[in-house]
C-alpha atoms as a PDB file:
ATOM      1  CA  MET A   1      44.850 262.019  88.062  1.00  0.00           C
ATOM      2  CA  THR A   2      43.160 264.923  86.340  1.00  0.00           C
ATOM      3  CA  ASP A   3      43.918 266.601  83.038  1.00  0.00           C
ATOM      4  CA  LEU A   4      45.171 270.087  83.875  1.00  0.00           C
ATOM      5  CA  PHE A   5      45.398 271.405  80.303  1.00  0.00           C
ATOM      6  CA  PRO A   6      41.722 272.472  80.052  1.00  0.00           C
ATOM      7  CA  LYS A   7      42.180 274.523  83.230  1.00  0.00           C
ATOM      8  CA  LEU A   8      45.153 276.471  81.835  1.00  0.00           C
ATOM      9  CA  PRO A   9      44.753 279.970  80.384  1.00  0.00           C
ATOM     10  CA  LEU A  10      45.134 280.436  76.630  1.00  0.00           C
ATOM     11  CA  PHE A  11      48.751 281.570  77.168  1.00  0.00           C
ATOM     12  CA  ALA A  12      50.408 279.748  80.069  1.00  0.00           C
ATOM     13  CA  THR A  13      53.684 280.307  81.851  1.00  0.00           C
ATOM     14  CA  ASP A  14      56.383 277.664  81.810  1.00  0.00           C
ATOM     15  CA  LYS A  15      55.615 276.861  85.444  1.00  0.00           C
ATOM     16  CA  GLU A  16      51.909 276.293  84.698  1.00  0.00           C
ATOM     17  CA  LEU A  17      52.773 274.101  81.714  1.00  0.00           C
ATOM     18  CA  ALA A  18      55.375 272.174  83.690  1.00  0.00           C
ATOM     19  CA  ILE A  19      52.904 271.360  86.442  1.00  0.00           C
ATOM     20  CA  ALA A  20      50.342 270.235  83.872  1.00  0.00           C
ATOM     21  CA  VAL A  21      52.845 268.058  82.007  1.00  0.00           C
ATOM     22  CA  VAL A  22      55.047 266.489  84.703  1.00  0.00           C
ATOM     23  CA  GLY A  23      53.567 267.577  88.053  1.00  0.00           C
ATOM     24  CA  LYS A  24      54.760 269.910  90.808  1.00  0.00           C
ATOM     25  CA  GLU A  25      57.605 267.690  92.000  1.00  0.00           C
ATOM     26  CA  ARG A  26      59.452 267.668  88.645  1.00  0.00           C
ATOM     27  CA  ALA A  27      58.326 271.043  87.298  1.00  0.00           C
ATOM     28  CA  SER A  28      61.545 272.978  87.964  1.00  0.00           C
ATOM     29  CA  MET A  29      63.694 270.266  86.349  1.00  0.00           C
ATOM     30  CA  TRP A  30      61.387 270.201  83.292  1.00  0.00           C
ATOM     31  CA  ILE A  31      61.618 273.994  82.896  1.00  0.00           C
ATOM     32  CA  LYS A  32      65.423 274.050  83.078  1.00  0.00           C
ATOM     33  CA  ALA A  33      66.378 270.868  81.242  1.00  0.00           C
ATOM     34  CA  VAL A  34      63.519 269.748  79.026  1.00  0.00           C
ATOM     35  CA  ILE A  35      62.046 272.935  77.552  1.00  0.00           C
ATOM     36  CA  PRO A  36      65.296 273.945  75.768  1.00  0.00           C
ATOM     37  CA  GLN A  37      65.467 270.482  74.166  1.00  0.00           C
ATOM     38  CA  LEU A  38      61.807 270.587  73.145  1.00  0.00           C
ATOM     39  CA  GLU A  39      62.175 274.057  71.615  1.00  0.00           C
ATOM     40  CA  ARG A  40      64.774 272.628  69.224  1.00  0.00           C
ATOM     41  CA  LYS A  41      62.132 270.110  68.143  1.00  0.00           C
ATOM     42  CA  GLY A  42      59.440 272.737  67.513  1.00  0.00           C
ATOM     43  CA  PHE A  43      57.938 273.326  70.958  1.00  0.00           C
ATOM     44  CA  PRO A  44      56.026 276.642  70.876  1.00  0.00           C
ATOM     45  CA  ARG A  45      58.047 279.632  72.031  1.00  0.00           C
ATOM     46  CA  ILE A  46      56.894 282.269  74.518  1.00  0.00           C
ATOM     47  CA  ASP A  47      54.714 284.883  72.855  1.00  0.00           C
ATOM     48  CA  PRO A  48      56.179 288.254  73.934  1.00  0.00           C
ATOM     49  CA  LEU A  49      52.852 290.073  73.716  1.00  0.00           C
ATOM     50  CA  HIS A  50      51.061 287.616  76.019  1.00  0.00           C
ATOM     51  CA  ASP A  51      54.096 286.569  78.101  1.00  0.00           C
ATOM     52  CA  GLY A  52      53.293 282.886  77.829  1.00  0.00           C
ATOM     53  CA  ARG A  53      53.201 279.888  75.519  1.00  0.00           C
ATOM     54  CA  PRO A  54      50.006 279.235  73.527  1.00  0.00           C
ATOM     55  CA  VAL A  55      48.412 276.211  75.183  1.00  0.00           C
ATOM     56  CA  PRO A  56      46.581 274.931  72.044  1.00  0.00           C
ATOM     57  CA  LEU A  57      49.914 274.826  70.191  1.00  0.00           C
ATOM     58  CA  VAL A  58      51.579 273.060  73.124  1.00  0.00           C
ATOM     59  CA  MET A  59      48.824 270.431  73.044  1.00  0.00           C
ATOM     60  CA  ARG A  60      49.205 270.058  69.256  1.00  0.00           C
ATOM     61  CA  PHE A  61      52.981 269.717  69.707  1.00  0.00           C
ATOM     62  CA  TYR A  62      52.505 266.831  72.132  1.00  0.00           C
ATOM     63  CA  ASP A  63      49.957 265.158  69.841  1.00  0.00           C
ATOM     64  CA  GLY A  64      52.608 265.116  67.120  1.00  0.00           C
ATOM     65  CA  TYR A  65      55.403 264.253  69.550  1.00  0.00           C
ATOM     66  CA  PHE A  66      53.620 261.093  70.625  1.00  0.00           C
ATOM     67  CA  GLY A  67      52.509 260.261  67.094  1.00  0.00           C
ATOM     68  CA  ILE A  68      48.829 260.726  67.848  1.00  0.00           C
ATOM     69  CA  THR A  69      48.216 262.693  64.658  1.00  0.00           C
ATOM     70  CA  ALA A  70      50.576 260.696  62.456  1.00  0.00           C
ATOM     71  CA  GLY A  71      47.930 258.560  60.751  1.00  0.00           C
ATOM     72  CA  LEU A  72      45.198 261.159  60.505  1.00  0.00           C
ATOM     73  CA  GLN A  73      46.197 262.851  57.269  1.00  0.00           C
ATOM     74  CA  ALA A  74      43.674 262.940  54.455  1.00  0.00           C
ATOM     75  CA  VAL A  75      44.606 260.703  51.563  1.00  0.00           C
ATOM     76  CA  ALA A  76      43.403 261.016  47.995  1.00  0.00           C
ATOM     77  CA  PRO A  77      41.622 257.975  46.555  1.00  0.00           C
ATOM     78  CA  ASP A  78      43.887 255.742  44.489  1.00  0.00           C
ATOM     79  CA  GLY A  79      41.313 255.000  41.789  1.00  0.00           C
ATOM     80  CA  GLU A  80      37.841 253.750  41.047  1.00  0.00           C
ATOM     81  CA  GLU A  81      36.680 250.720  42.983  1.00  0.00           C
ATOM     82  CA  ARG A  82      35.285 247.883  40.870  1.00  0.00           C
ATOM     83  CA  LEU A  83      34.342 245.296  43.433  1.00  0.00           C
ATOM     84  CA  GLY A  84      32.566 242.819  41.155  1.00  0.00           C
ATOM     85  CA  THR A  85      35.334 242.342  38.613  1.00  0.00           C
ATOM     86  CA  TRP A  86      38.272 240.027  38.895  1.00  0.00           C
ATOM     87  CA  LYS A  87      41.262 240.207  36.677  1.00  0.00           C
ATOM     88  CA  ARG A  88      43.015 236.958  35.863  1.00  0.00           C
ATOM     89  CA  ASP A  89      46.597 237.039  34.741  1.00  0.00           C
ATOM     90  CA  SER A  90      46.510 235.216  31.416  1.00  0.00           C
ATOM     91  CA  GLY A  91      50.279 234.739  31.389  1.00  0.00           C
ATOM     92  CA  LYS A  92      50.250 232.409  34.385  1.00  0.00           C
ATOM     93  CA  ARG A  93      48.803 228.952  34.010  1.00  0.00           C
ATOM     94  CA  ILE A  94      47.805 227.091  37.120  1.00  0.00           C
ATOM     95  CA  LYS A  95      49.181 223.587  37.375  1.00  0.00           C
ATOM     96  CA  THR A  96      47.159 220.668  38.631  1.00  0.00           C
ATOM     97  CA  LYS A  97      48.490 218.295  41.243  1.00  0.00           C
ATOM     98  CA  TRP A  98      49.982 216.185  38.421  1.00  0.00           C
ATOM     99  CA  GLY A  99      51.990 219.081  37.016  1.00  0.00           C
ATOM    100  CA  ASP A 100      49.951 219.601  33.839  1.00  0.00           C
ATOM    101  CA  PRO A 101      48.539 223.044  33.066  1.00  0.00           C
ATOM    102  CA  GLU A 102      44.786 223.455  33.368  1.00  0.00           C
ATOM    103  CA  PRO A 103      42.959 223.725  30.057  1.00  0.00           C
END
């Protein structure tokens, strides 16, 4: 099976997108039933100037839809790393096997 998205024009028709996403056999069903549902979830709308949907945005939509980009957000560091230092909680005393606290 080949990836048809790289072969699509920058702005593709619903039929072209449907074939790339679900194949020729299910394309008409996908256009009629699935696209309206996906549009409610943020699927890119048809650009009236280009008479098609922007393929890069469709690909980005599916990356988010499948959770591919969910863990790729940049995160600020939580503080300075001090790998050689250990902090011992002075309030807790470790008991020996006989129940007495360690000196």
